[in-house]
Amino acid sequence: MNEFLHASVLLSEAIEFLNPKPGQVFLDCTLGAGGHSEGILKHLEGKGFVIGLDQDETALEAARTRLAQFGSSFQAIRCNFKDLDQALIEVNMESVDGILFDLGVSSPQLDFEERGFSYWGNAPLDMRMDRRQEYTAADLLTTCSQAELTSILRDYGEEKWASRIAQFVIEARKTEPIQTANQLVDLIKAAIPASARREGGHPAKRSFQALRIAVNQELDVLKTGLEKAIQHLKPGGVIVVITFHSLEDRIVKHLFRQQANPCICPPKAPICVCGRRPTLRVLTGKPVIAGAEEIIQNPRSKSAKLRAAVKLEIEERER
């Protein structure tokens, strides 16, 4: 098995917002190789608890090894963060002091060719975050209609050549199934005019992102996970979310704003009569981004955006 190594993005910034103290409990919803959890555990000084969630068994194995030094202060659970409420029941926790989401695909998942996330090589088109799931990217390309594929590529990948790529895929699969990264990359390159391929990095980047999001239902899962996370966050607790593309960031930004200002009364109404009270106070007016030094050391951090919010105390909500 390849070694699962992953540089934690915006680590010091995330820890600063979470501000972990001995005796507190934290939920790391995207454990990965355990870098963020390790940072939190060091601040707990053996007096506290971190629950780490991940649906990737390779990541869980690596994190358990890395964090074994912290003993009973850490527990890893294999599950999707949309089921974080069930994970908390498993460890007899009702609420936690801080919650972290570090979204997107990890470096090892991209680098392990057999996982099928990367557009380099001739790997099978898998793209499943959780390999217990049966439905793969190859299955999607086999079963979806041209209209459905166009919508996926346009909405999830923001690919302006979505319709043409979908047309090429549908035509090609009449001859043979599209099952490998190289097959799909060749079709995408054929569909996008040469002049357009010279700009914006690898021409398959947006399409592969779109397929990964669709296979794993990432955007629906994110909204569900965030809503549950806020419900199980203690008053005064902080939620930190690190995103890597605009679709994720938009969901986080809108949900935080909605929870911070839920009033639906007309703007000119003298008093609020809708009865909706804020549950969050947003801590990041603009998203925090990686500095120049971190981007040099870890180029994948260039697209990262961190947003944070604190759950209001009950008396603050009633003001």
Protein backbone atom coordinates (compact mmCIF):
# COMPACT_ATOMS: atom_id res chain seq x y z
CA MET A 1 0.00 0.00 0.00
CA ASN A 2 1.26 3.50 -0.83
CA GLU A 3 2.01 5.72 2.13
CA PHE A 4 -0.83 8.14 2.88
CA LEU A 5 0.81 11.56 3.33
CA HIS A 6 -1.10 14.82 3.18
CA ALA A 7 -0.10 18.38 4.02
CA SER A 8 -2.83 20.00 6.12
CA VAL A 9 -3.92 23.26 4.50
CA LEU A 10 -4.30 26.44 6.60
CA LEU A 11 -3.40 24.44 9.71
CA SER A 12 -2.29 27.31 11.97
CA GLU A 13 -5.24 29.47 10.89
CA ALA A 14 -7.74 26.68 11.62
CA ILE A 15 -6.22 26.06 15.06
CA GLU A 16 -6.28 29.77 15.83
CA PHE A 17 -10.02 30.01 15.16
CA LEU A 18 -10.85 26.77 16.99
CA ASN A 19 -8.66 27.84 19.95
CA PRO A 20 -8.60 24.38 21.57
CA LYS A 21 -8.13 24.21 25.34
CA PRO A 22 -7.56 21.26 27.70
CA GLY A 23 -10.83 19.53 28.59
CA GLN A 24 -12.65 20.41 25.37
CA VAL A 25 -14.11 18.08 22.74
CA PHE A 26 -13.65 18.54 18.98
CA LEU A 27 -15.08 16.90 15.87
CA ASP A 28 -12.86 16.64 12.80
CA CYS A 29 -15.36 15.81 10.05
CA THR A 30 -12.71 15.20 7.38
CA LEU A 31 -9.93 13.39 9.20
CA GLY A 32 -7.70 12.57 6.23
CA ALA A 33 -4.19 11.75 7.44
CA GLY A 34 -4.91 13.46 10.77
CA GLY A 35 -2.91 16.67 10.46
CA HIS A 36 -5.59 19.02 11.76
CA SER A 37 -6.59 16.57 14.50
CA GLU A 38 -2.96 16.31 15.58
CA GLY A 39 -2.77 20.09 15.87
CA ILE A 40 -5.89 20.16 18.05
CA LEU A 41 -4.73 17.25 20.24
CA LYS A 42 -1.41 18.94 20.99
CA HIS A 43 -3.30 21.91 22.43
CA LEU A 44 -5.52 19.65 24.55
CA GLU A 45 -2.45 18.37 26.44
CA GLY A 46 -4.03 14.99 27.12
CA LYS A 47 -7.14 16.52 28.68
CA GLY A 48 -9.84 16.46 26.04
CA PHE A 49 -11.10 14.42 23.12
CA VAL A 50 -11.07 14.53 19.31
CA ILE A 51 -13.45 12.47 17.17
CA GLY A 52 -12.21 12.05 13.61
CA LEU A 53 -14.55 11.07 10.78
CA ASP A 54 -13.60 9.80 7.33
CA GLN A 55 -15.18 7.46 4.80
CA ASP A 56 -11.83 6.48 3.28
CA GLU A 57 -10.40 3.39 4.98
CA THR A 58 -6.85 4.22 3.82
CA ALA A 59 -7.02 7.64 5.45
CA LEU A 60 -8.41 6.19 8.67
CA GLU A 61 -5.61 3.64 8.90
CA ALA A 62 -2.98 6.34 8.39
CA ALA A 63 -4.59 8.68 10.93
CA ARG A 64 -4.92 5.98 13.58
CA THR A 65 -1.21 5.23 13.24
CA ARG A 66 -0.23 8.88 13.32
CA LEU A 67 -2.40 9.73 16.32
CA ALA A 68 -1.83 6.56 18.36
CA GLN A 69 0.48 8.60 20.62
CA PHE A 70 -2.57 10.44 21.98
CA GLY A 71 -4.19 7.25 23.27
CA SER A 72 -7.79 7.51 24.44
CA SER A 73 -7.94 11.23 23.62
CA PHE A 74 -8.63 10.32 19.99
CA GLN A 75 -11.14 8.08 18.25
CA ALA A 76 -11.56 7.57 14.50
CA ILE A 77 -14.89 6.52 13.01
CA ARG A 78 -15.52 5.46 9.43
CA CYS A 79 -18.53 7.41 8.20
CA ASN A 80 -19.61 10.23 5.93
CA PHE A 81 -19.93 13.52 7.80
CA LYS A 82 -23.58 13.72 6.80
CA ASP A 83 -23.99 11.06 9.50
CA LEU A 84 -22.05 12.96 12.15
CA ASP A 85 -25.04 12.85 14.51
CA GLN A 86 -24.86 9.05 14.53
CA ALA A 87 -21.09 9.19 15.10
CA LEU A 88 -21.63 11.38 18.16
CA ILE A 89 -24.16 8.90 19.52
CA GLU A 90 -21.53 6.17 19.07
CA VAL A 91 -19.14 8.02 21.42
CA ASN A 92 -21.92 9.15 23.79
CA MET A 93 -21.55 12.83 22.92
CA GLU A 94 -24.43 15.25 22.45
CA SER A 95 -22.43 18.35 21.53
CA VAL A 96 -18.83 19.49 20.99
CA ASP A 97 -16.72 22.61 21.50
CA GLY A 98 -15.44 22.91 17.96
CA ILE A 99 -15.93 21.41 14.51
CA LEU A 100 -13.66 21.33 11.46
CA PHE A 101 -14.35 20.53 7.80
CA ASP A 102 -11.42 20.32 5.36
CA LEU A 103 -13.21 19.58 2.11
CA GLY A 104 -12.22 18.22 -1.27
CA VAL A 105 -10.05 15.34 -2.36
CA SER A 106 -6.79 14.80 -0.46
CA SER A 107 -3.35 14.69 -2.03
CA PRO A 108 -2.93 10.91 -1.60
CA GLN A 109 -6.30 10.25 -3.25
CA LEU A 110 -5.11 12.26 -6.24
CA ASP A 111 -1.70 10.63 -6.24
CA PHE A 112 -2.88 7.02 -5.93
CA GLU A 113 -3.61 6.23 -9.56
CA GLU A 114 -5.91 3.32 -8.71
CA ARG A 115 -8.39 5.66 -6.99
CA GLY A 116 -9.26 7.21 -10.37
CA PHE A 117 -9.47 10.83 -9.18
CA SER A 118 -6.60 12.09 -11.33
CA TYR A 119 -6.64 12.73 -15.06
CA TRP A 120 -3.07 11.44 -15.31
CA GLY A 121 -2.42 7.79 -16.17
CA ASN A 122 -4.65 4.97 -17.24
CA ALA A 123 -6.47 4.27 -13.97
CA PRO A 124 -10.06 3.01 -13.89
CA LEU A 125 -12.62 5.79 -13.56
CA ASP A 126 -13.53 5.14 -9.93
CA MET A 127 -13.63 8.44 -7.95
CA ARG A 128 -15.45 6.99 -4.94
CA MET A 129 -14.49 8.58 -1.63
CA ASP A 130 -15.98 5.53 0.10
CA ARG A 131 -15.13 2.34 -1.78
CA ARG A 132 -18.01 0.53 -0.10
CA GLN A 133 -20.22 2.52 -2.46
CA GLU A 134 -21.00 0.62 -5.67
CA TYR A 135 -21.56 3.55 -8.07
CA THR A 136 -18.38 4.77 -9.82
CA ALA A 137 -17.56 7.47 -12.34
CA ALA A 138 -17.45 4.78 -15.04
CA ASP A 139 -20.97 3.74 -14.08
CA LEU A 140 -22.13 7.34 -14.34
CA LEU A 141 -20.66 7.72 -17.82
CA THR A 142 -22.34 4.46 -18.86
CA THR A 143 -25.85 5.24 -17.60
CA CYS A 144 -26.47 9.00 -17.74
CA SER A 145 -28.15 10.75 -20.64
CA GLN A 146 -26.48 13.46 -22.71
CA ALA A 147 -28.60 16.11 -20.99
CA GLU A 148 -27.72 14.79 -17.54
CA LEU A 149 -24.00 14.69 -18.31
CA THR A 150 -24.11 18.20 -19.76
CA SER A 151 -25.77 19.45 -16.58
CA ILE A 152 -23.19 17.71 -14.35
CA LEU A 153 -20.22 19.13 -16.26
CA ARG A 154 -21.73 22.62 -16.45
CA ASP A 155 -23.09 22.88 -12.89
CA TYR A 156 -20.38 21.06 -10.94
CA GLY A 157 -17.35 21.77 -13.12
CA GLU A 158 -18.35 25.16 -14.53
CA GLU A 159 -17.16 23.76 -17.86
CA LYS A 160 -18.19 25.98 -20.76
CA TRP A 161 -17.67 23.12 -23.24
CA ALA A 162 -19.99 20.83 -21.23
CA SER A 163 -22.47 20.20 -24.03
CA ARG A 164 -19.79 19.31 -26.58
CA ILE A 165 -17.91 17.03 -24.15
CA ALA A 166 -21.16 15.23 -23.28
CA GLN A 167 -21.90 14.76 -26.97
CA PHE A 168 -18.47 13.20 -27.57
CA VAL A 169 -18.85 10.89 -24.56
CA ILE A 170 -22.28 9.65 -25.62
CA GLU A 171 -21.06 8.96 -29.15
CA ALA A 172 -17.91 7.19 -27.97
CA ARG A 173 -19.71 4.87 -25.57
CA LYS A 174 -21.75 3.47 -28.46
CA THR A 175 -18.54 1.79 -29.61
CA GLU A 176 -16.96 0.87 -26.25
CA PRO A 177 -17.51 1.70 -22.56
CA ILE A 178 -15.50 4.59 -21.15
CA GLN A 179 -13.71 3.04 -18.19
CA THR A 180 -10.27 4.66 -17.86
CA ALA A 181 -8.89 8.13 -17.22
CA ASN A 182 -6.97 8.15 -20.50
CA GLN A 183 -10.10 7.34 -22.51
CA LEU A 184 -12.00 10.22 -20.95
CA VAL A 185 -9.10 12.67 -21.23
CA ASP A 186 -8.72 11.90 -24.94
CA LEU A 187 -12.45 12.54 -25.49
CA ILE A 188 -12.30 15.83 -23.58
CA LYS A 189 -9.28 16.99 -25.57
CA ALA A 190 -11.04 16.06 -28.80
CA ALA A 191 -14.19 17.94 -27.77
CA ILE A 192 -12.49 21.19 -26.68
CA PRO A 193 -11.05 23.28 -29.52
CA ALA A 194 -7.25 23.50 -29.57
CA SER A 195 -7.28 27.24 -28.95
CA ALA A 196 -9.34 26.78 -25.76
CA ARG A 197 -7.09 23.98 -24.50
CA ARG A 198 -4.13 26.36 -24.29
CA GLU A 199 -5.66 28.26 -21.35
CA GLY A 200 -6.64 27.41 -17.78
CA GLY A 201 -4.49 24.39 -17.00
CA HIS A 202 -5.29 20.79 -17.90
CA PRO A 203 -8.40 20.64 -20.14
CA ALA A 204 -9.86 17.70 -18.14
CA LYS A 205 -9.56 19.34 -14.72
CA ARG A 206 -13.09 20.77 -14.57
CA SER A 207 -14.75 17.66 -15.96
CA PHE A 208 -13.01 15.35 -13.50
CA GLN A 209 -13.99 17.65 -10.64
CA ALA A 210 -17.60 17.59 -11.81
CA LEU A 211 -17.73 13.80 -12.05
CA ARG A 212 -16.17 13.40 -8.59
CA ILE A 213 -18.75 15.75 -7.07
CA ALA A 214 -21.58 13.90 -8.79
CA VAL A 215 -20.38 10.40 -7.87
CA ASN A 216 -20.01 11.33 -4.20
CA GLN A 217 -23.00 13.74 -4.06
CA GLU A 218 -20.62 16.17 -2.38
CA LEU A 219 -22.70 19.34 -2.44
CA ASP A 220 -25.85 17.76 -1.00
CA VAL A 221 -23.76 15.98 1.62
CA LEU A 222 -21.99 19.24 2.53
CA LYS A 223 -25.21 21.15 3.21
CA THR A 224 -26.58 18.30 5.35
CA GLY A 225 -23.31 17.95 7.26
CA LEU A 226 -23.02 21.67 7.96
CA GLU A 227 -26.59 21.91 9.25
CA LYS A 228 -26.07 18.94 11.58
CA ALA A 229 -22.71 20.31 12.72
CA ILE A 230 -24.25 23.61 13.80
CA GLN A 231 -26.99 21.75 15.69
CA HIS A 232 -24.39 19.77 17.67
CA LEU A 233 -22.03 22.69 18.34
CA LYS A 234 -22.05 24.01 21.90
CA PRO A 235 -22.91 27.69 22.45
CA GLY A 236 -19.61 29.56 22.21
CA GLY A 237 -18.16 26.80 20.03
CA VAL A 238 -16.52 27.48 16.68
CA ILE A 239 -17.04 25.84 13.29
CA VAL A 240 -14.25 26.11 10.70
CA VAL A 241 -14.73 25.09 7.06
CA ILE A 242 -11.95 24.94 4.44
CA THR A 243 -13.14 24.72 0.84
CA PHE A 244 -11.31 24.28 -2.46
CA HIS A 245 -13.72 25.44 -5.14
CA SER A 246 -16.38 28.10 -5.54
CA LEU A 247 -19.38 25.77 -5.34
CA GLU A 248 -18.38 24.57 -1.85
CA ASP A 249 -17.47 28.06 -0.68
CA ARG A 250 -20.80 29.44 -1.88
CA ILE A 251 -22.73 26.87 0.16
CA VAL A 252 -20.71 27.64 3.31
CA LYS A 253 -20.97 31.41 2.86
CA HIS A 254 -24.73 31.37 2.28
CA LEU A 255 -25.45 28.98 5.17
CA PHE A 256 -23.34 31.02 7.60
CA ARG A 257 -25.06 34.23 6.49
CA GLN A 258 -28.48 32.63 6.78
CA GLN A 259 -27.75 31.37 10.30
CA ALA A 260 -26.29 34.75 11.31
CA ASN A 261 -29.19 36.79 9.92
CA PRO A 262 -32.28 34.58 9.57
CA CYS A 263 -34.88 37.36 9.90
CA ILE A 264 -37.32 37.42 6.97
CA CYS A 265 -39.22 40.56 7.99
CA PRO A 266 -39.43 43.39 5.44
CA PRO A 267 -36.30 45.59 5.62
CA LYS A 268 -38.33 48.63 6.71
CA ALA A 269 -40.25 46.82 9.44
CA PRO A 270 -39.78 48.68 12.78
CA ILE A 271 -39.38 45.44 14.75
CA CYS A 272 -38.83 41.77 13.99
CA VAL A 273 -42.06 39.78 14.08
CA CYS A 274 -40.96 36.61 12.25
CA GLY A 275 -39.42 35.22 15.42
CA ARG A 276 -36.31 33.90 13.72
CA ARG A 277 -33.20 34.42 15.82
CA PRO A 278 -29.56 34.13 14.75
CA THR A 279 -27.60 31.05 15.81
CA LEU A 280 -24.16 32.06 14.49
CA ARG A 281 -21.84 35.03 14.38
CA VAL A 282 -19.55 34.94 11.36
CA LEU A 283 -15.87 35.41 12.26
CA THR A 284 -14.52 35.81 8.72
CA GLY A 285 -15.93 38.72 6.72
CA LYS A 286 -13.80 37.54 3.84
CA PRO A 287 -12.40 34.01 3.54
CA VAL A 288 -8.91 33.41 4.88
CA ILE A 289 -6.50 32.23 2.18
CA ALA A 290 -3.07 30.63 2.23
CA GLY A 291 0.00 32.83 2.37
CA ALA A 292 2.74 32.89 -0.25
CA GLU A 293 5.05 30.60 1.75
CA GLU A 294 2.39 27.91 2.21
CA ILE A 295 1.47 28.03 -1.48
CA ILE A 296 5.14 27.48 -2.41
CA GLN A 297 5.38 24.50 -0.04
CA ASN A 298 1.96 23.10 -0.97
CA PRO A 299 0.65 24.38 -4.33
CA ARG A 300 -2.76 22.75 -3.72
CA SER A 301 -3.36 25.28 -0.93
CA LYS A 302 -3.65 28.05 -3.55
CA SER A 303 -7.38 27.47 -4.02
CA ALA A 304 -8.21 26.99 -0.33
CA LYS A 305 -10.61 29.32 1.47
CA LEU A 306 -11.33 29.19 5.19
CA ARG A 307 -14.52 30.49 6.78
CA ALA A 308 -15.33 30.38 10.49
CA ALA A 309 -18.30 31.16 12.71
CA VAL A 310 -19.10 30.94 16.41
CA LYS A 311 -22.38 29.61 17.81
CA LEU A 312 -24.15 32.27 19.84
CA GLU A 313 -24.91 31.87 23.51
CA ILE A 314 -28.64 31.61 24.24
CA GLU A 315 -28.79 35.13 25.68
CA GLU A 316 -27.12 36.53 22.56
CA ARG A 317 -29.74 34.91 20.32
CA GLU A 318 -32.57 36.56 22.24
CA ARG A 319 -31.29 40.11 21.97
